Amino acid sequence: LVESGGGLVQAGGSLTLSCAASGSISIIRDMRWYRQAPGNQ
């Protein structure tokens, strides 16, 4: 999995992240996004 699209944006703005999957694609069931802020789980 390779993510892309991150960056700096002003409050109120928009941003689109992309995740490209490769390899054994047929075994993938669900796909999810998670995030982790500094000091948080």
PDB file of all heavy atoms in Angstrom:
ATOM      1  N   LEU A   1       0.840  -1.184   0.000  1.00  0.00           N
ATOM      2  CA  LEU A   1       0.000   0.000   0.000  1.00  0.00           C
ATOM      3  C   LEU A   1       0.878   1.238   0.000  1.00  0.00           C
ATOM      4  O   LEU A   1       1.838   1.321   0.766  1.00  0.00           O
ATOM      5  CB  LEU A   1      -0.909   0.030   1.229  1.00  0.00           C
ATOM      6  CG  LEU A   1      -1.834  -1.167   1.442  1.00  0.00           C
ATOM      7  CD1 LEU A   1      -2.548  -1.043   2.784  1.00  0.00           C
ATOM      8  CD2 LEU A   1      -2.850  -1.251   0.312  1.00  0.00           C
ATOM      9  N   VAL A   2       0.541   2.195  -0.843  1.00  0.00           N
ATOM     10  CA  VAL A   2       1.280   3.442  -0.927  1.00  0.00           C
ATOM     11  C   VAL A   2       0.298   4.601  -0.887  1.00  0.00           C
ATOM     12  O   VAL A   2      -0.556   4.723  -1.768  1.00  0.00           O
ATOM     13  CB  VAL A   2       2.138   3.521  -2.202  1.00  0.00           C
ATOM     14  CG1 VAL A   2       2.884   4.853  -2.243  1.00  0.00           C
ATOM     15  CG2 VAL A   2       3.121   2.368  -2.258  1.00  0.00           C
ATOM     16  N   GLU A   3       0.425   5.455   0.133  1.00  0.00           N
ATOM     17  CA  GLU A   3      -0.431   6.623   0.258  1.00  0.00           C
ATOM     18  C   GLU A   3       0.198   7.818  -0.447  1.00  0.00           C
ATOM     19  O   GLU A   3       1.425   7.919  -0.562  1.00  0.00           O
ATOM     20  CB  GLU A   3      -0.663   6.984   1.731  1.00  0.00           C
ATOM     21  CG  GLU A   3      -1.280   5.885   2.569  1.00  0.00           C
ATOM     22  CD  GLU A   3      -0.259   5.132   3.386  1.00  0.00           C
ATOM     23  OE1 GLU A   3       0.923   5.083   2.960  1.00  0.00           O
ATOM     24  OE2 GLU A   3      -0.622   4.598   4.446  1.00  0.00           O
ATOM     25  N   SER A   4      -0.651   8.727  -0.878  1.00  0.00           N
ATOM     26  CA  SER A   4      -0.197   9.968  -1.476  1.00  0.00           C
ATOM     27  C   SER A   4      -1.269  11.033  -1.283  1.00  0.00           C
ATOM     28  O   SER A   4      -2.404  10.724  -0.934  1.00  0.00           O
ATOM     29  CB  SER A   4       0.122   9.797  -2.966  1.00  0.00           C
ATOM     30  OG  SER A   4      -1.038   9.434  -3.693  1.00  0.00           O
ATOM     31  N   GLY A   5      -0.906  12.274  -1.514  1.00  0.00           N
ATOM     32  CA  GLY A   5      -1.865  13.361  -1.471  1.00  0.00           C
ATOM     33  C   GLY A   5      -1.814  14.224  -0.233  1.00  0.00           C
ATOM     34  O   GLY A   5      -2.525  15.233  -0.161  1.00  0.00           O
ATOM     35  N   GLY A   6      -1.009  13.861   0.743  1.00  0.00           N
ATOM     36  CA  GLY A   6      -0.911  14.666   1.943  1.00  0.00           C
ATOM     37  C   GLY A   6      -0.213  15.985   1.674  1.00  0.00           C
ATOM     38  O   GLY A   6       0.423  16.182   0.643  1.00  0.00           O
ATOM     39  N   GLY A   7      -0.335  16.893   2.623  1.00  0.00           N
ATOM     40  CA  GLY A   7       0.298  18.183   2.487  1.00  0.00           C
ATOM     41  C   GLY A   7      -0.250  19.180   3.471  1.00  0.00           C
ATOM     42  O   GLY A   7      -0.904  18.824   4.458  1.00  0.00           O
ATOM     43  N   LEU A   8       0.018  20.450   3.201  1.00  0.00           N
ATOM     44  CA  LEU A   8      -0.415  21.549   4.050  1.00  0.00           C
ATOM     45  C   LEU A   8      -1.627  22.224   3.425  1.00  0.00           C
ATOM     46  O   LEU A   8      -1.622  22.546   2.233  1.00  0.00           O
ATOM     47  CB  LEU A   8       0.724  22.558   4.222  1.00  0.00           C
ATOM     48  CG  LEU A   8       0.417  23.827   5.014  1.00  0.00           C
ATOM     49  CD1 LEU A   8       0.090  23.483   6.464  1.00  0.00           C
ATOM     50  CD2 LEU A   8       1.593  24.783   4.942  1.00  0.00           C
ATOM     51  N   VAL A   9      -2.653  22.435   4.232  1.00  0.00           N
ATOM     52  CA  VAL A   9      -3.872  23.076   3.754  1.00  0.00           C
ATOM     53  C   VAL A   9      -4.395  24.005   4.841  1.00  0.00           C
ATOM     54  O   VAL A   9      -4.197  23.761   6.034  1.00  0.00           O
ATOM     55  CB  VAL A   9      -4.932  22.021   3.361  1.00  0.00           C
ATOM     56  CG1 VAL A   9      -5.361  21.208   4.579  1.00  0.00           C
ATOM     57  CG2 VAL A   9      -6.124  22.657   2.683  1.00  0.00           C
ATOM     58  N   GLN A  10      -5.050  25.075   4.429  1.00  0.00           N
ATOM     59  CA  GLN A  10      -5.635  26.009   5.387  1.00  0.00           C
ATOM     60  C   GLN A  10      -6.942  25.463   5.944  1.00  0.00           C
ATOM     61  O   GLN A  10      -7.634  24.670   5.300  1.00  0.00           O
ATOM     62  CB  GLN A  10      -5.885  27.361   4.726  1.00  0.00           C
ATOM     63  CG  GLN A  10      -4.627  28.105   4.313  1.00  0.00           C
ATOM     64  CD  GLN A  10      -4.931  29.465   3.722  1.00  0.00           C
ATOM     65  OE1 GLN A  10      -6.085  29.827   3.506  1.00  0.00           O
ATOM     66  NE2 GLN A  10      -3.887  30.234   3.466  1.00  0.00           N
ATOM     67  N   ALA A  11      -7.275  25.886   7.154  1.00  0.00           N
ATOM     68  CA  ALA A  11      -8.543  25.497   7.762  1.00  0.00           C
ATOM     69  C   ALA A  11      -9.702  25.865   6.847  1.00  0.00           C
ATOM     70  O   ALA A  11      -9.727  26.946   6.261  1.00  0.00           O
ATOM     71  CB  ALA A  11      -8.704  26.162   9.123  1.00  0.00           C
ATOM     72  N   GLY A  12     -10.650  24.946   6.732  1.00  0.00           N
ATOM     73  CA  GLY A  12     -11.782  25.138   5.848  1.00  0.00           C
ATOM     74  C   GLY A  12     -11.564  24.610   4.450  1.00  0.00           C
ATOM     75  O   GLY A  12     -12.516  24.523   3.666  1.00  0.00           O
ATOM     76  N   GLY A  13     -10.338  24.245   4.145  1.00  0.00           N
ATOM     77  CA  GLY A  13     -10.006  23.747   2.830  1.00  0.00           C
ATOM     78  C   GLY A  13     -10.263  22.265   2.676  1.00  0.00           C
ATOM     79  O   GLY A  13     -10.776  21.602   3.582  1.00  0.00           O
ATOM     80  N   SER A  14      -9.882  21.755   1.518  1.00  0.00           N
ATOM     81  CA  SER A  14     -10.110  20.359   1.177  1.00  0.00           C
ATOM     82  C   SER A  14      -8.824  19.709   0.704  1.00  0.00           C
ATOM     83  O   SER A  14      -7.914  20.370   0.199  1.00  0.00           O
ATOM     84  CB  SER A  14     -11.169  20.237   0.078  1.00  0.00           C
ATOM     85  OG  SER A  14     -12.412  20.765   0.492  1.00  0.00           O
ATOM     86  N   LEU A  15      -8.773  18.411   0.863  1.00  0.00           N
ATOM     87  CA  LEU A  15      -7.629  17.631   0.440  1.00  0.00           C
ATOM     88  C   LEU A  15      -8.103  16.213   0.166  1.00  0.00           C
ATOM     89  O   LEU A  15      -8.986  15.708   0.872  1.00  0.00           O
ATOM     90  CB  LEU A  15      -6.552  17.627   1.527  1.00  0.00           C
ATOM     91  CG  LEU A  15      -5.106  17.293   1.148  1.00  0.00           C
ATOM     92  CD1 LEU A  15      -4.552  18.325   0.175  1.00  0.00           C
ATOM     93  CD2 LEU A  15      -4.245  17.234   2.399  1.00  0.00           C
ATOM     94  N   THR A  16      -7.539  15.582  -0.844  1.00  0.00           N
ATOM     95  CA  THR A  16      -7.888  14.204  -1.171  1.00  0.00           C
ATOM     96  C   THR A  16      -6.654  13.322  -1.081  1.00  0.00           C
ATOM     97  O   THR A  16      -5.636  13.588  -1.723  1.00  0.00           O
ATOM     98  CB  THR A  16      -8.501  14.096  -2.579  1.00  0.00           C
ATOM     99  OG1 THR A  16      -9.699  14.871  -2.645  1.00  0.00           O
ATOM    100  CG2 THR A  16      -8.847  12.643  -2.888  1.00  0.00           C
ATOM    101  N   LEU A  17      -6.747  12.285  -0.278  1.00  0.00           N
ATOM    102  CA  LEU A  17      -5.687  11.303  -0.144  1.00  0.00           C
ATOM    103  C   LEU A  17      -5.993  10.099  -1.019  1.00  0.00           C
ATOM    104  O   LEU A  17      -7.155   9.736  -1.207  1.00  0.00           O
ATOM    105  CB  LEU A  17      -5.548  10.846   1.308  1.00  0.00           C
ATOM    106  CG  LEU A  17      -5.385  11.934   2.373  1.00  0.00           C
ATOM    107  CD1 LEU A  17      -5.242  11.295   3.743  1.00  0.00           C
ATOM    108  CD2 LEU A  17      -4.196  12.826   2.051  1.00  0.00           C
ATOM    109  N   SER A  18      -4.946   9.476  -1.530  1.00  0.00           N
ATOM    110  CA  SER A  18      -5.103   8.283  -2.347  1.00  0.00           C
ATOM    111  C   SER A  18      -4.225   7.170  -1.802  1.00  0.00           C
ATOM    112  O   SER A  18      -3.142   7.418  -1.276  1.00  0.00           O
ATOM    113  CB  SER A  18      -4.736   8.560  -3.804  1.00  0.00           C
ATOM    114  OG  SER A  18      -5.634   9.467  -4.401  1.00  0.00           O
ATOM    115  N   CYS A  19      -4.702   5.957  -1.942  1.00  0.00           N
ATOM    116  CA  CYS A  19      -3.956   4.779  -1.540  1.00  0.00           C
ATOM    117  C   CYS A  19      -3.971   3.799  -2.699  1.00  0.00           C
ATOM    118  O   CYS A  19      -5.048   3.378  -3.143  1.00  0.00           O
ATOM    119  CB  CYS A  19      -4.567   4.146  -0.289  1.00  0.00           C
ATOM    120  SG  CYS A  19      -3.829   2.577   0.203  1.00  0.00           S
ATOM    121  N   ALA A  20      -2.800   3.444  -3.180  1.00  0.00           N
ATOM    122  CA  ALA A  20      -2.674   2.501  -4.283  1.00  0.00           C
ATOM    123  C   ALA A  20      -2.246   1.141  -3.751  1.00  0.00           C
ATOM    124  O   ALA A  20      -1.252   1.039  -3.031  1.00  0.00           O
ATOM    125  CB  ALA A  20      -1.666   3.006  -5.308  1.00  0.00           C
ATOM    126  N   ALA A  21      -3.001   0.115  -4.087  1.00  0.00           N
ATOM    127  CA  ALA A  21      -2.713  -1.239  -3.651  1.00  0.00           C
ATOM    128  C   ALA A  21      -2.108  -2.044  -4.793  1.00  0.00           C
ATOM    129  O   ALA A  21      -2.506  -1.904  -5.954  1.00  0.00           O
ATOM    130  CB  ALA A  21      -3.976  -1.924  -3.145  1.00  0.00           C
ATOM    131  N   SER A  22      -1.163  -2.881  -4.453  1.00  0.00           N
ATOM    132  CA  SER A  22      -0.559  -3.770  -5.437  1.00  0.00           C
ATOM    133  C   SER A  22      -0.236  -5.101  -4.775  1.00  0.00           C
ATOM    134  O   SER A  22      -0.265  -5.220  -3.556  1.00  0.00           O
ATOM    135  CB  SER A  22       0.699  -3.148  -6.047  1.00  0.00           C
ATOM    136  OG  SER A  22       1.684  -2.913  -5.056  1.00  0.00           O
ATOM    137  N   GLY A  23       0.067  -6.096  -5.582  1.00  0.00           N
ATOM    138  CA  GLY A  23       0.350  -7.420  -5.075  1.00  0.00           C
ATOM    139  C   GLY A  23      -0.847  -8.335  -5.226  1.00  0.00           C
ATOM    140  O   GLY A  23      -1.480  -8.365  -6.272  1.00  0.00           O
ATOM    141  N   SER A  24      -1.175  -9.050  -4.165  1.00  0.00           N
ATOM    142  CA  SER A  24      -2.276 -10.007  -4.184  1.00  0.00           C
ATOM    143  C   SER A  24      -3.590  -9.295  -3.903  1.00  0.00           C
ATOM    144  O   SER A  24      -4.176  -9.430  -2.826  1.00  0.00           O
ATOM    145  CB  SER A  24      -2.022 -11.125  -3.175  1.00  0.00           C
ATOM    146  OG  SER A  24      -0.816 -11.811  -3.450  1.00  0.00           O
ATOM    147  N   ILE A  25      -4.061  -8.550  -4.884  1.00  0.00           N
ATOM    148  CA  ILE A  25      -5.255  -7.727  -4.716  1.00  0.00           C
ATOM    149  C   ILE A  25      -6.478  -8.568  -4.375  1.00  0.00           C
ATOM    150  O   ILE A  25      -7.363  -8.111  -3.644  1.00  0.00           O
ATOM    151  CB  ILE A  25      -5.518  -6.892  -5.984  1.00  0.00           C
ATOM    152  CG1 ILE A  25      -4.292  -6.048  -6.328  1.00  0.00           C
ATOM    153  CG2 ILE A  25      -6.744  -6.006  -5.784  1.00  0.00           C
ATOM    154  CD1 ILE A  25      -3.872  -5.091  -5.242  1.00  0.00           C
ATOM    155  N   SER A  26      -6.554  -9.779  -4.871  1.00  0.00           N
ATOM    156  CA  SER A  26      -7.735 -10.609  -4.685  1.00  0.00           C
ATOM    157  C   SER A  26      -7.999 -10.975  -3.234  1.00  0.00           C
ATOM    158  O   SER A  26      -9.122 -11.344  -2.888  1.00  0.00           O
ATOM    159  CB  SER A  26      -7.619 -11.889  -5.527  1.00  0.00           C
ATOM    160  OG  SER A  26      -6.509 -12.665  -5.122  1.00  0.00           O
ATOM    161  N   ILE A  27      -7.004 -10.881  -2.370  1.00  0.00           N
ATOM    162  CA  ILE A  27      -7.200 -11.255  -0.969  1.00  0.00           C
ATOM    163  C   ILE A  27      -7.720 -10.096  -0.127  1.00  0.00           C
ATOM    164  O   ILE A  27      -8.059 -10.290   1.043  1.00  0.00           O
ATOM    165  CB  ILE A  27      -5.906 -11.799  -0.332  1.00  0.00           C
ATOM    166  CG1 ILE A  27      -4.858 -10.695  -0.145  1.00  0.00           C
ATOM    167  CG2 ILE A  27      -5.338 -12.931  -1.186  1.00  0.00           C
ATOM    168  CD1 ILE A  27      -3.623 -11.150   0.608  1.00  0.00           C
ATOM    169  N   ILE A  28      -7.790  -8.895  -0.680  1.00  0.00           N
ATOM    170  CA  ILE A  28      -8.262  -7.734   0.071  1.00  0.00           C
ATOM    171  C   ILE A  28      -9.770  -7.785   0.242  1.00  0.00           C
ATOM    172  O   ILE A  28     -10.508  -7.985  -0.721  1.00  0.00           O
ATOM    173  CB  ILE A  28      -7.857  -6.418  -0.617  1.00  0.00           C
ATOM    174  CG1 ILE A  28      -6.339  -6.290  -0.686  1.00  0.00           C
ATOM    175  CG2 ILE A  28      -8.466  -5.229   0.119  1.00  0.00           C
ATOM    176  CD1 ILE A  28      -5.861  -5.076  -1.450  1.00  0.00           C
ATOM    177  N   ARG A  29     -10.219  -7.585   1.473  1.00  0.00           N
ATOM    178  CA  ARG A  29     -11.649  -7.547   1.768  1.00  0.00           C
ATOM    179  C   ARG A  29     -12.106  -6.106   1.999  1.00  0.00           C
ATOM    180  O   ARG A  29     -12.795  -5.527   1.171  1.00  0.00           O
ATOM    181  CB  ARG A  29     -11.963  -8.407   2.988  1.00  0.00           C
ATOM    182  CG  ARG A  29     -13.448  -8.484   3.312  1.00  0.00           C
ATOM    183  CD  ARG A  29     -13.695  -9.403   4.488  1.00  0.00           C
ATOM    184  NE  ARG A  29     -15.100  -9.456   4.861  1.00  0.00           N
ATOM    185  CZ  ARG A  29     -15.992 -10.279   4.325  1.00  0.00           C
ATOM    186  NH1 ARG A  29     -15.627 -11.141   3.393  1.00  0.00           N
ATOM    187  NH2 ARG A  29     -17.252 -10.253   4.735  1.00  0.00           N
ATOM    188  N   ASP A  30     -11.707  -5.531   3.118  1.00  0.00           N
ATOM    189  CA  ASP A  30     -12.057  -4.157   3.447  1.00  0.00           C
ATOM    190  C   ASP A  30     -10.829  -3.262   3.355  1.00  0.00           C
ATOM    191  O   ASP A  30      -9.702  -3.704   3.588  1.00  0.00           O
ATOM    192  CB  ASP A  30     -12.622  -4.051   4.859  1.00  0.00           C
ATOM    193  CG  ASP A  30     -13.874  -4.878   5.053  1.00  0.00           C
ATOM    194  OD1 ASP A  30     -14.539  -5.202   4.056  1.00  0.00           O
ATOM    195  OD2 ASP A  30     -14.190  -5.198   6.219  1.00  0.00           O
ATOM    196  N   MET A  31     -11.058  -1.994   3.046  1.00  0.00           N
ATOM    197  CA  MET A  31      -9.994  -1.014   3.074  1.00  0.00           C
ATOM    198  C   MET A  31     -10.409   0.122   3.986  1.00  0.00           C
ATOM    199  O   MET A  31     -11.578   0.504   4.031  1.00  0.00           O
ATOM    200  CB  MET A  31      -9.651  -0.508   1.677  1.00  0.00           C
ATOM    201  CG  MET A  31      -9.137  -1.606   0.764  1.00  0.00           C
ATOM    202  SD  MET A  31      -8.280  -1.004  -0.706  1.00  0.00           S
ATOM    203  CE  MET A  31      -6.752  -0.385   0.038  1.00  0.00           C
ATOM    204  N   ARG A  32      -9.443   0.657   4.734  1.00  0.00           N
ATOM    205  CA  ARG A  32      -9.717   1.637   5.764  1.00  0.00           C
ATOM    206  C   ARG A  32      -8.665   2.732   5.759  1.00  0.00           C
ATOM    207  O   ARG A  32      -7.555   2.553   5.282  1.00  0.00           O
ATOM    208  CB  ARG A  32      -9.721   0.976   7.154  1.00  0.00           C
ATOM    209  CG  ARG A  32     -10.629  -0.236   7.279  1.00  0.00           C
ATOM    210  CD  ARG A  32     -10.141  -1.141   8.381  1.00  0.00           C
ATOM    211  NE  ARG A  32     -10.981  -2.302   8.579  1.00  0.00           N
ATOM    212  CZ  ARG A  32     -10.547  -3.479   8.994  1.00  0.00           C
ATOM    213  NH1 ARG A  32      -9.254  -3.646   9.288  1.00  0.00           N
ATOM    214  NH2 ARG A  32     -11.384  -4.491   9.138  1.00  0.00           N
ATOM    215  N   TRP A  33      -9.052   3.849   6.324  1.00  0.00           N
ATOM    216  CA  TRP A  33      -8.124   4.922   6.635  1.00  0.00           C
ATOM    217  C   TRP A  33      -8.080   5.116   8.142  1.00  0.00           C
ATOM    218  O   TRP A  33      -9.120   5.133   8.801  1.00  0.00           O
ATOM    219  CB  TRP A  33      -8.517   6.237   5.965  1.00  0.00           C
ATOM    220  CG  TRP A  33      -8.212   6.298   4.504  1.00  0.00           C
ATOM    221  CD1 TRP A  33      -9.055   6.038   3.476  1.00  0.00           C
ATOM    222  CD2 TRP A  33      -6.966   6.669   3.918  1.00  0.00           C
ATOM    223  NE1 TRP A  33      -8.418   6.214   2.276  1.00  0.00           N
ATOM    224  CE2 TRP A  33      -7.132   6.603   2.517  1.00  0.00           C
ATOM    225  CE3 TRP A  33      -5.728   7.052   4.438  1.00  0.00           C
ATOM    226  CZ2 TRP A  33      -6.099   6.906   1.628  1.00  0.00           C
ATOM    227  CZ3 TRP A  33      -4.705   7.349   3.550  1.00  0.00           C
ATOM    228  CH2 TRP A  33      -4.902   7.274   2.167  1.00  0.00           C
ATOM    229  N   TYR A  34      -6.883   5.256   8.674  1.00  0.00           N
ATOM    230  CA  TYR A  34      -6.643   5.595  10.063  1.00  0.00           C
ATOM    231  C   TYR A  34      -5.795   6.858  10.111  1.00  0.00           C
ATOM    232  O   TYR A  34      -5.193   7.256   9.106  1.00  0.00           O
ATOM    233  CB  TYR A  34      -5.915   4.469  10.796  1.00  0.00           C
ATOM    234  CG  TYR A  34      -6.751   3.245  11.078  1.00  0.00           C
ATOM    235  CD1 TYR A  34      -7.048   2.333  10.073  1.00  0.00           C
ATOM    236  CD2 TYR A  34      -7.231   2.994  12.359  1.00  0.00           C
ATOM    237  CE1 TYR A  34      -7.806   1.204  10.333  1.00  0.00           C
ATOM    238  CE2 TYR A  34      -7.988   1.861  12.631  1.00  0.00           C
ATOM    239  CZ  TYR A  34      -8.270   0.974  11.613  1.00  0.00           C
ATOM    240  OH  TYR A  34      -9.020  -0.145  11.873  1.00  0.00           O
ATOM    241  N   ARG A  35      -5.741   7.478  11.277  1.00  0.00           N
ATOM    242  CA  ARG A  35      -4.864   8.622  11.449  1.00  0.00           C
ATOM    243  C   ARG A  35      -4.286   8.630  12.857  1.00  0.00           C
ATOM    244  O   ARG A  35      -4.865   8.072  13.781  1.00  0.00           O
ATOM    245  CB  ARG A  35      -5.590   9.941  11.165  1.00  0.00           C
ATOM    246  CG  ARG A  35      -6.673  10.305  12.169  1.00  0.00           C
ATOM    247  CD  ARG A  35      -7.418  11.553  11.714  1.00  0.00           C
ATOM    248  NE  ARG A  35      -8.430  11.964  12.661  1.00  0.00           N
ATOM    249  CZ  ARG A  35      -9.296  12.944  12.457  1.00  0.00           C
ATOM    250  NH1 ARG A  35      -9.267  13.637  11.300  1.00  0.00           N
ATOM    251  NH2 ARG A  35     -10.190  13.262  13.380  1.00  0.00           N
ATOM    252  N   GLN A  36      -3.149   9.266  12.992  1.00  0.00           N
ATOM    253  CA  GLN A  36      -2.491   9.366  14.280  1.00  0.00           C
ATOM    254  C   GLN A  36      -1.895  10.756  14.428  1.00  0.00           C
ATOM    255  O   GLN A  36      -1.002  11.139  13.673  1.00  0.00           O
ATOM    256  CB  GLN A  36      -1.403   8.299  14.430  1.00  0.00           C
ATOM    257  CG  GLN A  36      -0.785   8.243  15.811  1.00  0.00           C
ATOM    258  CD  GLN A  36       0.056   6.999  16.011  1.00  0.00           C
ATOM    259  OE1 GLN A  36       0.474   6.355  15.053  1.00  0.00           O
ATOM    260  NE2 GLN A  36       0.303   6.638  17.261  1.00  0.00           N
ATOM    261  N   ALA A  37      -2.408  11.499  15.391  1.00  0.00           N
ATOM    262  CA  ALA A  37      -1.903  12.829  15.693  1.00  0.00           C
ATOM    263  C   ALA A  37      -0.792  12.724  16.735  1.00  0.00           C
ATOM    264  O   ALA A  37      -0.718  11.746  17.487  1.00  0.00           O
ATOM    265  CB  ALA A  37      -3.029  13.722  16.214  1.00  0.00           C
ATOM    266  N   PRO A  38       0.091  13.719  16.805  1.00  0.00           N
ATOM    267  CA  PRO A  38       1.178  13.677  17.784  1.00  0.00           C
ATOM    268  C   PRO A  38       0.662  13.482  19.202  1.00  0.00           C
ATOM    269  O   PRO A  38      -0.239  14.193  19.648  1.00  0.00           O
ATOM    270  CB  PRO A  38       1.850  15.041  17.619  1.00  0.00           C
ATOM    271  CG  PRO A  38       1.554  15.428  16.207  1.00  0.00           C
ATOM    272  CD  PRO A  38       0.165  14.909  15.951  1.00  0.00           C
ATOM    273  N   GLY A  39       1.217  12.504  19.900  1.00  0.00           N
ATOM    274  CA  GLY A  39       0.837  12.232  21.271  1.00  0.00           C
ATOM    275  C   GLY A  39      -0.426  11.423  21.437  1.00  0.00           C
ATOM    276  O   GLY A  39      -0.807  11.114  22.571  1.00  0.00           O
ATOM    277  N   ASN A  40      -1.094  11.087  20.348  1.00  0.00           N
ATOM    278  CA  ASN A  40      -2.347  10.340  20.410  1.00  0.00           C
ATOM    279  C   ASN A  40      -2.192   8.938  19.849  1.00  0.00           C
ATOM    280  O   ASN A  40      -1.234   8.627  19.144  1.00  0.00           O
ATOM    281  CB  ASN A  40      -3.446  11.071  19.645  1.00  0.00           C
ATOM    282  CG  ASN A  40      -3.827  12.392  20.275  1.00  0.00           C
ATOM    283  OD1 ASN A  40      -3.575  12.623  21.457  1.00  0.00           O
ATOM    284  ND2 ASN A  40      -4.450  13.256  19.480  1.00  0.00           N
ATOM    285  N   GLN A  41      -3.164   8.098  20.167  1.00  0.00           N
ATOM    286  CA  GLN A  41      -3.205   6.762  19.594  1.00  0.00           C
ATOM    287  C   GLN A  41      -3.737   6.823  18.163  1.00  0.00           C
ATOM    288  O   GLN A  41      -4.433   7.762  17.788  1.00  0.00           O
ATOM    289  CB  GLN A  41      -4.093   5.848  20.437  1.00  0.00           C
ATOM    290  CG  GLN A  41      -3.631   5.633  21.863  1.00  0.00           C
ATOM    291  CD  GLN A  41      -4.512   4.653  22.605  1.00  0.00           C
ATOM    292  OE1 GLN A  41      -4.946   3.635  22.048  1.00  0.00           O
ATOM    293  NE2 GLN A  41      -4.789   4.939  23.860  1.00  0.00           N
TER     294      GLN A  41
END
